[in-house]
Amino acid sequence: MTQYKYNSTDLVRPTELTERERFLLEDSQTFCIYPWIHLHAYPTGEAYPCCHAEMKPGVVGNCRTHTLEEIWRGEPMKQLRDSMLTETPHAACTRCYEQEESGFFSGRKSANKHHGHHVKKLDSNPFEMTYWDIRFSNLCNLKCRSCGHIFSSQWYQDQAKLAGPEWKDRNTVLNYAGRTETDMWTQLEPHLDYVEQIYFAGGEPLLMEEHYNILEELVKRKRFDVRLIYNTNFTRTDLKGRSVFEYWRQFESVAVGASLDGMGLPAEYIRKGTRWLDVVQNRHRMIATCPDVDFYISPTLSIMNAWHLPDFHREWVAAGLIRAQDLNVNILQDPAHYRIDIAPPEYKQRLEEKYLKHLSWMSDRDPLQRATQGFQSAIAFMNATDNTQLIDTFWRRTHELDSIRNENILDVLPELKALR
């Protein structure tokens, strides 16, 4: 079996390419296949070309006022596609540009690699969503530090205390992406004939009825070829007697990225509501039930877990819960006051030394090079920018939330005294 090359631009599904198509997929600095195969919707209804796009209201439309097809054929999407075809940087895509400058294999490059076989659709542009990433609602059981009410219903009370009564009056606990609670599923169902890959995130997808409805419909149609990819907090793995493990074992390709930012107390602090023992038990049950399903840790690398992450990585490898290659670093870019580049020079130096030591440990353990690339790129990202001016914002926001939650960050993450 050929080893998957994480940083290669080679198409996962090779196809004959013209010179122009090869340039777009391999050498272009702006082209991304997503706007020809995909739309992304937040629980607020706001539509984006993908989940990496800058969070600016109504980048390409709103699913509460327009159908998916109306947005697909709308002027903002046309302008976005034109910019990508003419090597014109687009404001929605700056996160990928920044990641690429630091050496990360960006979402844009990954899109072209995994979905580039659809490059023949550029001229005809049929409304066929082969890749889904619709956040049906903000239903979630955690309230992670780097998140907020947009993506977590659990954030509602804390957000109301931070923002005041007027915000509370204008907002509800649960938000749905579509015009009604079931609107998104109704619009997506016809695309079951075209779908090749579905990315489930949230909120928390493993708590959502829509997620299980999709799996049941795929099973009914015997569409076991559809690739399933997850970003899950991995604290719950069943809903109303339906075990997700029993579904996963039926599909040909399932990749589960567990959004775990640390272990033990750091995990429970950063992702409030986590019971660490549940996570560990779920991983053991998954190994016993569906051992062939691809599982990896998908941490959000922030100033909060920057010191702790290598220790977590090594401990889970030592425990046999993952391989060294089973870690995919997601660099936090927003909120800006949680970025790792807010660290002062002395702390950056200590982090770099720790990461270099960790990279040495991984040197003969990471054939995929995914984890290796993540830590290497984190060093480059951290050193590329001086954002120390945001340290005061970090402490102000942290103390506000600590006060609401009756916590103290330095009790759990004492290394952050270096930011004083």
Protein backbone atom coordinates (compact mmCIF):
# COMPACT_ATOMS: atom_id res chain seq x y z
CA MET A 1 0.00 0.00 0.00
CA THR A 2 1.41 3.41 -1.01
CA GLN A 3 2.24 5.68 1.93
CA TYR A 4 0.03 8.75 1.99
CA LYS A 5 2.18 11.84 1.42
CA TYR A 6 0.83 14.52 3.71
CA ASN A 7 2.57 17.54 2.16
CA SER A 8 2.40 16.40 -1.45
CA THR A 9 0.12 18.17 -3.93
CA ASP A 10 -0.42 14.92 -5.87
CA LEU A 11 -4.12 14.35 -6.46
CA VAL A 12 -5.69 11.73 -4.23
CA ARG A 13 -7.81 10.72 -7.23
CA PRO A 14 -5.49 11.19 -10.24
CA THR A 15 -7.00 12.46 -13.46
CA GLU A 16 -5.70 13.65 -16.82
CA LEU A 17 -4.96 17.39 -16.57
CA THR A 18 -4.46 20.15 -19.10
CA GLU A 19 -1.55 22.55 -18.61
CA ARG A 20 -3.93 25.19 -17.23
CA GLU A 21 -5.58 22.74 -14.83
CA ARG A 22 -2.22 21.52 -13.55
CA PHE A 23 -1.11 25.09 -12.92
CA LEU A 24 -4.27 25.88 -10.97
CA LEU A 25 -4.05 22.79 -8.78
CA GLU A 26 -0.30 22.70 -8.17
CA ASP A 27 1.28 26.13 -8.71
CA SER A 28 -1.40 28.78 -8.32
CA GLN A 29 -1.14 30.95 -5.22
CA THR A 30 -4.88 31.69 -5.10
CA PHE A 31 -6.86 28.88 -6.73
CA CYS A 32 -9.02 26.64 -4.55
CA ILE A 33 -11.49 24.05 -5.84
CA TYR A 34 -13.93 24.53 -2.96
CA PRO A 35 -16.14 27.23 -4.56
CA TRP A 36 -16.95 24.81 -7.38
CA ILE A 37 -17.93 21.84 -5.19
CA HIS A 38 -18.84 23.17 -1.76
CA LEU A 39 -20.56 25.75 0.45
CA HIS A 40 -20.05 26.19 4.15
CA ALA A 41 -22.72 27.43 6.56
CA TYR A 42 -22.40 28.58 10.15
CA PRO A 43 -25.15 27.97 12.72
CA THR A 44 -25.89 31.70 12.32
CA GLY A 45 -26.88 31.08 8.70
CA GLU A 46 -23.90 33.01 7.34
CA ALA A 47 -22.42 31.30 4.29
CA TYR A 48 -18.74 31.06 3.43
CA PRO A 49 -16.68 29.38 0.73
CA CYS A 50 -15.21 27.08 3.41
CA CYS A 51 -14.59 26.79 7.15
CA HIS A 52 -11.18 28.45 6.82
CA ALA A 53 -12.62 31.69 5.40
CA GLU A 54 -12.39 34.91 7.36
CA MET A 55 -15.37 35.36 9.68
CA LYS A 56 -16.90 38.42 8.11
CA PRO A 57 -20.71 38.54 8.01
CA GLY A 58 -22.26 37.40 4.77
CA VAL A 59 -19.05 36.74 2.85
CA VAL A 60 -21.04 34.96 0.14
CA GLY A 61 -24.60 35.05 1.52
CA ASN A 62 -26.92 33.92 4.29
CA CYS A 63 -28.80 30.61 4.44
CA ARG A 64 -31.61 32.14 6.49
CA THR A 65 -32.59 34.44 3.65
CA HIS A 66 -31.47 32.51 0.54
CA THR A 67 -31.30 28.92 -0.63
CA LEU A 68 -27.98 27.17 -1.11
CA GLU A 69 -28.42 27.30 -4.87
CA GLU A 70 -29.16 31.05 -4.83
CA ILE A 71 -25.94 31.62 -2.88
CA TRP A 72 -24.03 29.24 -5.17
CA ARG A 73 -25.03 31.26 -8.24
CA GLY A 74 -24.88 34.67 -6.55
CA GLU A 75 -22.57 37.52 -7.41
CA PRO A 76 -20.24 37.17 -4.38
CA MET A 77 -19.47 33.55 -5.30
CA LYS A 78 -18.89 34.54 -8.93
CA GLN A 79 -16.45 37.25 -7.86
CA LEU A 80 -14.64 34.83 -5.56
CA ARG A 81 -14.24 32.26 -8.34
CA ASP A 82 -13.00 34.93 -10.76
CA SER A 83 -10.36 36.12 -8.30
CA MET A 84 -9.08 32.59 -7.83
CA LEU A 85 -8.77 32.06 -11.57
CA THR A 86 -6.86 35.31 -12.12
CA GLU A 87 -4.30 35.02 -9.29
CA THR A 88 -6.00 37.82 -7.38
CA PRO A 89 -5.82 37.36 -3.58
CA HIS A 90 -9.24 37.46 -1.94
CA ALA A 91 -9.93 38.85 1.53
CA ALA A 92 -11.88 35.73 2.52
CA CYS A 93 -8.81 33.54 2.03
CA THR A 94 -6.18 35.32 4.14
CA ARG A 95 -5.97 32.53 6.73
CA CYS A 96 -4.73 30.07 4.14
CA TYR A 97 -2.27 32.63 2.78
CA GLU A 98 -0.88 33.19 6.28
CA GLN A 99 -0.63 29.45 6.95
CA GLU A 100 1.24 28.88 3.70
CA GLU A 101 3.73 31.63 4.54
CA SER A 102 4.57 29.67 7.73
CA GLY A 103 4.92 26.37 5.89
CA PHE A 104 1.57 24.82 6.84
CA PHE A 105 -0.18 22.59 4.33
CA SER A 106 -3.18 24.89 4.17
CA GLY A 107 -6.86 24.12 3.72
CA ARG A 108 -6.60 25.48 0.17
CA LYS A 109 -3.84 23.04 -0.75
CA SER A 110 -5.65 20.19 0.94
CA ALA A 111 -8.83 21.01 -1.00
CA ASN A 112 -7.01 20.90 -4.33
CA LYS A 113 -5.27 17.67 -3.39
CA HIS A 114 -8.41 15.79 -2.31
CA HIS A 115 -10.97 17.29 -4.68
CA GLY A 116 -8.90 18.42 -7.65
CA HIS A 117 -10.42 15.70 -9.83
CA HIS A 118 -13.41 18.05 -10.13
CA VAL A 119 -11.33 20.67 -11.94
CA LYS A 120 -13.21 19.82 -15.15
CA LYS A 121 -16.26 21.56 -13.63
CA LEU A 122 -14.72 25.05 -13.77
CA ASP A 123 -16.52 26.08 -16.94
CA SER A 124 -19.88 24.34 -16.50
CA ASN A 125 -20.13 24.84 -12.70
CA PRO A 126 -23.14 22.57 -12.02
CA PHE A 127 -24.87 22.90 -8.63
CA GLU A 128 -23.59 19.59 -7.29
CA MET A 129 -22.23 19.72 -3.77
CA THR A 130 -19.75 16.85 -3.65
CA TYR A 131 -18.23 18.07 -0.37
CA TRP A 132 -20.45 19.00 2.60
CA ASP A 133 -19.57 21.06 5.64
CA ILE A 134 -22.81 22.46 7.03
CA ARG A 135 -22.91 23.29 10.73
CA PHE A 136 -26.56 22.46 11.31
CA SER A 137 -26.69 24.13 14.73
CA ASN A 138 -24.55 25.34 17.62
CA LEU A 139 -25.66 22.47 19.86
CA CYS A 140 -22.71 21.54 22.06
CA ASN A 141 -21.95 20.19 25.51
CA LEU A 142 -18.71 22.15 26.02
CA LYS A 143 -17.72 25.81 26.22
CA CYS A 144 -14.13 25.91 25.03
CA ARG A 145 -12.00 28.98 25.77
CA SER A 146 -11.28 29.72 22.12
CA CYS A 147 -14.90 29.25 21.06
CA GLY A 148 -18.08 31.26 21.69
CA HIS A 149 -21.84 31.26 21.39
CA ILE A 150 -21.77 31.05 17.58
CA PHE A 151 -20.53 27.46 17.78
CA SER A 152 -21.59 26.38 21.25
CA SER A 153 -24.98 26.55 22.92
CA GLN A 154 -23.20 26.05 26.27
CA TRP A 155 -21.59 29.47 25.87
CA TYR A 156 -24.91 31.31 26.08
CA GLN A 157 -24.97 32.12 29.80
CA ASP A 158 -21.31 33.09 29.97
CA GLN A 159 -21.63 35.24 26.86
CA ALA A 160 -24.66 36.97 28.36
CA LYS A 161 -22.66 37.82 31.49
CA LEU A 162 -19.81 39.16 29.39
CA ALA A 163 -21.93 41.07 26.87
CA GLY A 164 -24.85 42.22 29.03
CA PRO A 165 -28.66 41.99 29.00
CA GLU A 166 -29.13 43.57 25.58
CA TRP A 167 -27.10 40.78 23.97
CA LYS A 168 -29.09 38.19 25.89
CA ASP A 169 -32.37 39.68 24.66
CA ARG A 170 -31.20 39.57 21.03
CA ASN A 171 -29.93 35.99 21.07
CA THR A 172 -31.24 32.50 21.75
CA VAL A 173 -29.49 29.48 23.21
CA LEU A 174 -29.83 27.37 20.05
CA ASN A 175 -29.19 28.61 16.53
CA TYR A 176 -29.91 26.79 13.27
CA ALA A 177 -28.21 27.42 9.94
CA GLY A 178 -31.28 27.31 7.73
CA ARG A 179 -34.61 29.09 7.42
CA THR A 180 -36.16 26.42 9.64
CA GLU A 181 -34.75 23.71 11.87
CA THR A 182 -34.95 21.10 9.08
CA ASP A 183 -34.27 23.37 6.09
CA MET A 184 -30.61 22.46 5.62
CA TRP A 185 -31.28 18.73 5.54
CA THR A 186 -34.14 19.25 3.05
CA GLN A 187 -31.82 21.16 0.71
CA LEU A 188 -28.91 18.76 1.09
CA GLU A 189 -30.81 15.52 0.56
CA PRO A 190 -30.88 15.76 -3.28
CA HIS A 191 -27.09 16.07 -3.23
CA LEU A 192 -26.75 12.59 -1.76
CA ASP A 193 -26.47 11.52 -5.41
CA TYR A 194 -23.27 13.58 -5.77
CA VAL A 195 -21.65 13.70 -2.33
CA GLU A 196 -18.19 12.17 -2.00
CA GLN A 197 -17.07 13.57 1.33
CA ILE A 198 -18.82 14.94 4.41
CA TYR A 199 -17.10 16.89 7.15
CA PHE A 200 -18.96 16.81 10.45
CA ALA A 201 -18.23 19.54 12.96
CA GLY A 202 -20.31 21.79 15.12
CA GLY A 203 -21.30 22.57 17.71
CA GLU A 204 -20.71 18.96 18.57
CA PRO A 205 -21.77 16.73 15.66
CA LEU A 206 -22.08 13.54 17.71
CA LEU A 207 -24.93 15.17 19.65
CA MET A 208 -26.89 16.21 16.55
CA GLU A 209 -29.89 14.34 15.14
CA GLU A 210 -28.98 15.56 11.64
CA HIS A 211 -25.66 13.73 11.82
CA TYR A 212 -27.28 10.39 12.58
CA ASN A 213 -30.01 11.00 10.00
CA ILE A 214 -27.35 11.46 7.31
CA LEU A 215 -25.54 8.29 8.34
CA GLU A 216 -28.77 6.31 8.32
CA GLU A 217 -29.68 7.60 4.86
CA LEU A 218 -26.22 6.72 3.53
CA VAL A 219 -26.52 3.22 4.98
CA LYS A 220 -29.99 2.85 3.45
CA ARG A 221 -28.59 3.81 0.03
CA LYS A 222 -25.50 1.64 0.57
CA ARG A 223 -23.28 4.68 0.01
CA PHE A 224 -20.48 3.24 2.07
CA ASP A 225 -18.02 4.84 -0.36
CA VAL A 226 -18.72 8.33 1.02
CA ARG A 227 -15.72 9.54 3.00
CA LEU A 228 -16.62 10.70 6.52
CA ILE A 229 -14.40 13.19 8.34
CA TYR A 230 -15.01 14.46 11.86
CA ASN A 231 -13.99 17.21 14.18
CA THR A 232 -15.44 16.12 17.50
CA ASN A 233 -14.70 16.84 21.14
CA PHE A 234 -14.99 13.04 21.60
CA THR A 235 -16.72 13.31 24.98
CA ARG A 236 -19.91 11.60 23.72
CA THR A 237 -20.10 8.81 21.17
CA ASP A 238 -23.77 7.86 21.16
CA LEU A 239 -27.17 9.50 20.95
CA LYS A 240 -30.44 7.92 22.07
CA GLY A 241 -29.04 4.43 21.91
CA ARG A 242 -27.31 4.92 18.55
CA SER A 243 -23.57 4.27 18.83
CA VAL A 244 -21.50 6.11 16.26
CA PHE A 245 -18.93 3.31 16.37
CA GLU A 246 -21.48 0.89 14.88
CA TYR A 247 -22.00 3.25 11.92
CA TRP A 248 -18.30 3.97 11.38
CA ARG A 249 -17.36 0.31 11.07
CA GLN A 250 -19.60 0.03 7.95
CA PHE A 251 -17.92 2.77 5.89
CA GLU A 252 -14.86 2.41 3.70
CA SER A 253 -13.15 5.59 4.88
CA VAL A 254 -13.69 7.37 8.20
CA ALA A 255 -11.27 9.87 9.71
CA VAL A 256 -11.93 11.10 13.23
CA GLY A 257 -10.10 14.20 14.40
CA ALA A 258 -10.56 14.57 18.15
CA SER A 259 -10.33 18.24 19.14
CA LEU A 260 -8.36 17.62 22.31
CA ASP A 261 -6.09 20.44 23.40
CA GLY A 262 -4.43 18.60 26.24
CA MET A 263 -4.94 15.92 28.85
CA GLY A 264 -6.21 15.93 32.41
CA LEU A 265 -6.79 19.30 34.07
CA PRO A 266 -5.54 21.42 31.12
CA ALA A 267 -8.03 19.62 28.87
CA GLU A 268 -10.87 20.27 31.31
CA TYR A 269 -9.91 23.93 31.73
CA ILE A 270 -9.39 24.84 28.06
CA ARG A 271 -12.46 22.88 26.89
CA LYS A 272 -14.82 23.48 29.80
CA GLY A 273 -17.25 20.62 30.39
CA THR A 274 -14.78 17.90 29.42
CA ARG A 275 -14.52 14.90 31.74
CA TRP A 276 -11.10 13.57 30.84
CA LEU A 277 -11.84 10.05 32.02
CA ASP A 278 -14.75 9.87 29.53
CA VAL A 279 -12.43 10.79 26.65
CA VAL A 280 -9.93 8.09 27.57
CA GLN A 281 -12.68 5.49 27.97
CA ASN A 282 -14.20 6.44 24.62
CA ARG A 283 -10.84 5.94 22.93
CA HIS A 284 -10.45 2.49 24.46
CA ARG A 285 -13.99 1.54 23.35
CA MET A 286 -13.31 2.80 19.84
CA ILE A 287 -10.15 0.69 19.58
CA ALA A 288 -12.15 -2.36 20.67
CA THR A 289 -15.14 -1.70 18.38
CA CYS A 290 -13.74 -0.21 15.17
CA PRO A 291 -9.94 -0.39 15.33
CA ASP A 292 -9.47 0.28 11.61
CA VAL A 293 -11.08 3.73 11.69
CA ASP A 294 -8.47 6.47 11.32
CA PHE A 295 -8.21 8.39 14.59
CA TYR A 296 -5.98 11.36 15.29
CA ILE A 297 -5.75 14.21 17.75
CA SER A 298 -6.62 17.55 16.17
CA PRO A 299 -5.61 20.14 18.77
CA THR A 300 -6.07 23.87 18.42
CA LEU A 301 -2.61 25.22 19.18
CA SER A 302 -2.94 28.38 21.27
CA ILE A 303 -0.90 30.16 23.89
CA MET A 304 -2.85 28.17 26.48
CA ASN A 305 -1.71 24.68 25.44
CA ALA A 306 1.52 25.53 23.60
CA TRP A 307 3.75 24.24 26.41
CA HIS A 308 1.59 21.24 27.30
CA LEU A 309 0.93 19.81 23.82
CA PRO A 310 4.19 17.86 23.27
CA ASP A 311 3.78 16.16 26.67
CA PHE A 312 0.21 15.16 25.81
CA HIS A 313 1.32 13.86 22.42
CA ARG A 314 4.06 11.64 23.86
CA GLU A 315 1.89 10.30 26.67
CA TRP A 316 -0.86 9.11 24.34
CA VAL A 317 1.71 7.49 22.06
CA ALA A 318 3.27 5.73 25.06
CA ALA A 319 -0.18 4.54 26.19
CA GLY A 320 -0.85 3.01 22.78
CA LEU A 321 -3.85 5.28 22.14
CA ILE A 322 -2.34 6.87 19.00
CA ARG A 323 0.76 6.61 16.84
CA ALA A 324 3.22 9.51 16.73
CA GLN A 325 1.89 10.47 13.29
CA ASP A 326 -1.69 10.74 14.59
CA LEU A 327 -1.65 14.41 15.48
CA ASN A 328 -2.73 17.27 13.25
CA VAL A 329 -1.84 20.71 14.61
CA ASN A 330 -4.43 23.42 13.90
CA ILE A 331 -2.83 26.78 14.49
CA LEU A 332 -5.18 29.21 16.22
CA GLN A 333 -5.44 32.48 14.32
CA ASP A 334 -8.55 33.92 15.95
CA PRO A 335 -9.28 35.17 18.62
CA ALA A 336 -5.98 37.00 18.19
CA HIS A 337 -5.29 37.29 21.92
CA TYR A 338 -4.93 33.48 22.13
CA ARG A 339 -2.37 33.19 19.32
CA ILE A 340 1.03 31.73 20.19
CA ASP A 341 2.77 34.75 18.71
CA ILE A 342 1.64 36.91 21.65
CA ALA A 343 4.42 35.26 23.68
CA PRO A 344 7.38 37.44 24.67
CA PRO A 345 10.79 36.58 23.13
CA GLU A 346 12.05 34.60 26.14
CA TYR A 347 8.97 32.37 26.21
CA LYS A 348 9.13 31.89 22.43
CA GLN A 349 12.70 30.73 22.80
CA ARG A 350 11.73 28.22 25.50
CA LEU A 351 8.85 26.94 23.35
CA GLU A 352 11.07 26.60 20.31
CA GLU A 353 13.63 24.61 22.31
CA LYS A 354 10.88 22.31 23.60
CA TYR A 355 9.43 21.84 20.11
CA LEU A 356 12.86 21.08 18.63
CA LYS A 357 13.38 18.43 21.31
CA HIS A 358 9.94 17.01 20.50
CA LEU A 359 10.76 17.01 16.79
CA SER A 360 13.91 15.04 17.56
CA TRP A 361 11.77 12.48 19.40
CA MET A 362 9.48 12.24 16.34
CA SER A 363 12.31 11.95 13.80
CA ASP A 364 11.97 8.18 13.33
CA ARG A 365 8.37 7.82 14.52
CA ASP A 366 6.38 10.00 12.09
CA PRO A 367 6.48 8.57 8.55
CA LEU A 368 3.44 10.62 7.58
CA GLN A 369 5.25 13.83 8.61
CA ARG A 370 1.93 15.43 9.56
CA ALA A 371 2.77 15.98 13.23
CA THR A 372 6.34 16.92 12.34
CA GLN A 373 5.17 19.52 9.84
CA GLY A 374 2.72 20.88 12.39
CA PHE A 375 5.36 21.59 15.03
CA GLN A 376 7.87 22.91 12.48
CA SER A 377 5.27 25.29 11.08
CA ALA A 378 4.23 26.33 14.58
CA ILE A 379 7.78 27.50 15.24
CA ALA A 380 7.77 29.51 12.01
CA PHE A 381 4.32 30.96 12.71
CA MET A 382 5.23 31.93 16.27
CA ASN A 383 8.41 33.72 15.21
CA ALA A 384 6.96 35.44 12.14
CA THR A 385 5.02 38.06 14.10
CA ASP A 386 5.36 39.98 17.35
CA ASN A 387 1.92 40.27 18.92
CA THR A 388 3.05 40.93 22.48
CA GLN A 389 0.77 43.98 22.51
CA LEU A 390 -2.10 41.50 22.92
CA ILE A 391 -0.84 40.07 26.22
CA ASP A 392 -2.88 42.60 28.21
CA THR A 393 -5.98 41.60 26.23
CA PHE A 394 -5.24 37.95 26.93
CA TRP A 395 -5.10 38.54 30.68
CA ARG A 396 -8.17 40.80 30.73
CA ARG A 397 -10.32 38.31 28.82
CA THR A 398 -8.95 35.37 30.81
CA HIS A 399 -9.64 37.01 34.17
CA GLU A 400 -13.18 37.91 33.10
CA LEU A 401 -13.95 34.31 32.18
CA ASP A 402 -12.12 32.91 35.19
CA SER A 403 -14.29 35.07 37.41
CA ILE A 404 -17.50 33.82 35.79
CA ARG A 405 -16.39 30.18 35.95
CA ASN A 406 -14.73 30.40 39.37
CA GLU A 407 -11.37 29.28 37.95
CA ASN A 408 -7.77 30.48 37.95
CA ILE A 409 -5.70 29.79 34.86
CA LEU A 410 -2.40 29.77 36.77
CA ASP A 411 -3.65 26.95 38.98
CA VAL A 412 -3.83 24.79 35.86
CA LEU A 413 -1.29 26.36 33.48
CA PRO A 414 1.40 27.86 35.75
CA GLU A 415 3.84 28.19 32.85
CA LEU A 416 1.82 31.18 31.64
CA LYS A 417 3.33 33.26 34.44
CA ALA A 418 5.96 33.91 31.74
CA LEU A 419 3.40 36.19 30.04
CA ARG A 420 3.28 38.57 33.00
